[in-house]
Amino acid sequence: MSTAVKHKEDQIKEDQIKVRQFITDTKGHKMAAVIDIDELKRLETVLEMIPSSEQWLYKNKKALASVQKGLKQAARGRVTKLNLDEL
């Protein structure tokens, strides 16, 4: 499979991974990312701060999206009371 190299030109927010360039396949799908060693060290530090009991959430994109959606709704005041006896 042949690949191409694409440089990331956009300004990246601090909470995102700073990618130097992406390696793509012939259809343009991102196959790998090239990052600086300093960025790798920063990511390792961030990952060490996540408790092992919560790491599953970051590996499950659907669950993470659901939690993020719920947090946004709660921040906007869109909450409902749950009666635990009805469960």
Protein backbone atom coordinates (compact mmCIF):
# COMPACT_ATOMS: atom_id res chain seq x y z
CA MET A 1 0.00 0.00 0.00
CA SER A 2 1.54 3.30 -0.99
CA THR A 3 1.28 6.35 1.22
CA ALA A 4 1.63 10.10 0.95
CA VAL A 5 2.69 12.70 3.48
CA LYS A 6 0.45 15.66 4.27
CA HIS A 7 1.50 18.53 6.49
CA LYS A 8 -0.88 19.95 9.05
CA GLU A 9 -1.04 23.70 8.51
CA ASP A 10 -3.90 24.61 10.86
CA GLN A 11 -3.42 26.24 14.24
CA ILE A 12 -4.05 23.60 16.92
CA LYS A 13 -5.65 24.20 20.31
CA GLU A 14 -3.56 23.42 23.38
CA ASP A 15 -5.82 20.53 24.44
CA GLN A 16 -5.28 18.70 21.15
CA ILE A 17 -2.36 16.64 19.92
CA LYS A 18 0.10 18.72 17.95
CA VAL A 19 0.62 16.69 14.79
CA ARG A 20 3.55 17.62 12.59
CA GLN A 21 2.26 15.68 9.59
CA PHE A 22 -0.08 12.83 8.66
CA ILE A 23 0.84 9.84 6.54
CA THR A 24 -2.09 8.87 4.33
CA ASP A 25 -2.92 6.03 1.99
CA THR A 26 -3.69 6.54 -1.71
CA LYS A 27 -7.34 7.33 -0.86
CA GLY A 28 -6.38 10.06 1.60
CA HIS A 29 -7.20 8.10 4.77
CA LYS A 30 -4.94 8.99 7.69
CA MET A 31 -2.76 5.99 8.51
CA ALA A 32 -0.26 7.51 10.95
CA ALA A 33 0.71 10.78 12.58
CA VAL A 34 4.17 12.20 13.11
CA ILE A 35 4.64 14.14 16.36
CA ASP A 36 7.66 15.71 18.06
CA ILE A 37 9.28 13.89 20.99
CA ASP A 38 8.26 16.76 23.31
CA GLU A 39 4.64 16.24 22.29
CA LEU A 40 4.96 12.51 23.00
CA LYS A 41 6.29 13.26 26.50
CA ARG A 42 3.38 15.67 27.09
CA LEU A 43 0.89 12.99 26.01
CA GLU A 44 2.49 10.39 28.26
CA THR A 45 2.18 12.77 31.21
CA VAL A 46 -1.50 13.41 30.45
CA LEU A 47 -2.23 9.70 30.06
CA GLU A 48 -0.57 8.90 33.39
CA MET A 49 -2.96 11.33 35.11
CA ILE A 50 -6.05 9.36 33.97
CA PRO A 51 -6.99 6.81 36.66
CA SER A 52 -7.01 3.23 35.41
CA SER A 53 -10.66 2.93 36.45
CA GLU A 54 -11.54 5.67 33.91
CA GLN A 55 -9.27 4.70 31.00
CA TRP A 56 -11.97 2.49 29.46
CA LEU A 57 -14.07 5.60 28.81
CA TYR A 58 -11.41 7.17 26.60
CA LYS A 59 -11.09 3.93 24.64
CA ASN A 60 -14.86 3.72 24.03
CA LYS A 61 -15.68 6.60 21.68
CA LYS A 62 -19.45 6.04 21.86
CA ALA A 63 -19.48 6.14 25.66
CA LEU A 64 -17.19 9.18 25.75
CA ALA A 65 -19.42 11.05 23.30
CA SER A 66 -22.46 10.21 25.45
CA VAL A 67 -20.77 11.48 28.62
CA GLN A 68 -19.63 14.67 26.88
CA LYS A 69 -23.15 15.25 25.55
CA GLY A 70 -24.60 14.77 29.03
CA LEU A 71 -22.10 17.19 30.56
CA LYS A 72 -22.98 19.84 27.97
CA GLN A 73 -26.69 19.35 28.63
CA ALA A 74 -26.15 19.64 32.38
CA ALA A 75 -24.12 22.82 31.91
CA ARG A 76 -27.09 24.31 30.02
CA GLY A 77 -29.43 23.32 32.84
CA ARG A 78 -31.07 20.48 30.93
CA VAL A 79 -31.31 17.96 33.77
CA THR A 80 -34.06 15.68 35.00
CA LYS A 81 -34.54 13.97 38.33
CA LEU A 82 -34.29 10.21 38.34
CA ASN A 83 -36.32 8.14 40.76
CA LEU A 84 -34.08 5.19 41.62
CA ASP A 85 -37.04 3.22 42.97
CA GLU A 86 -38.53 3.12 39.45
CA LEU A 87 -35.50 1.39 37.98
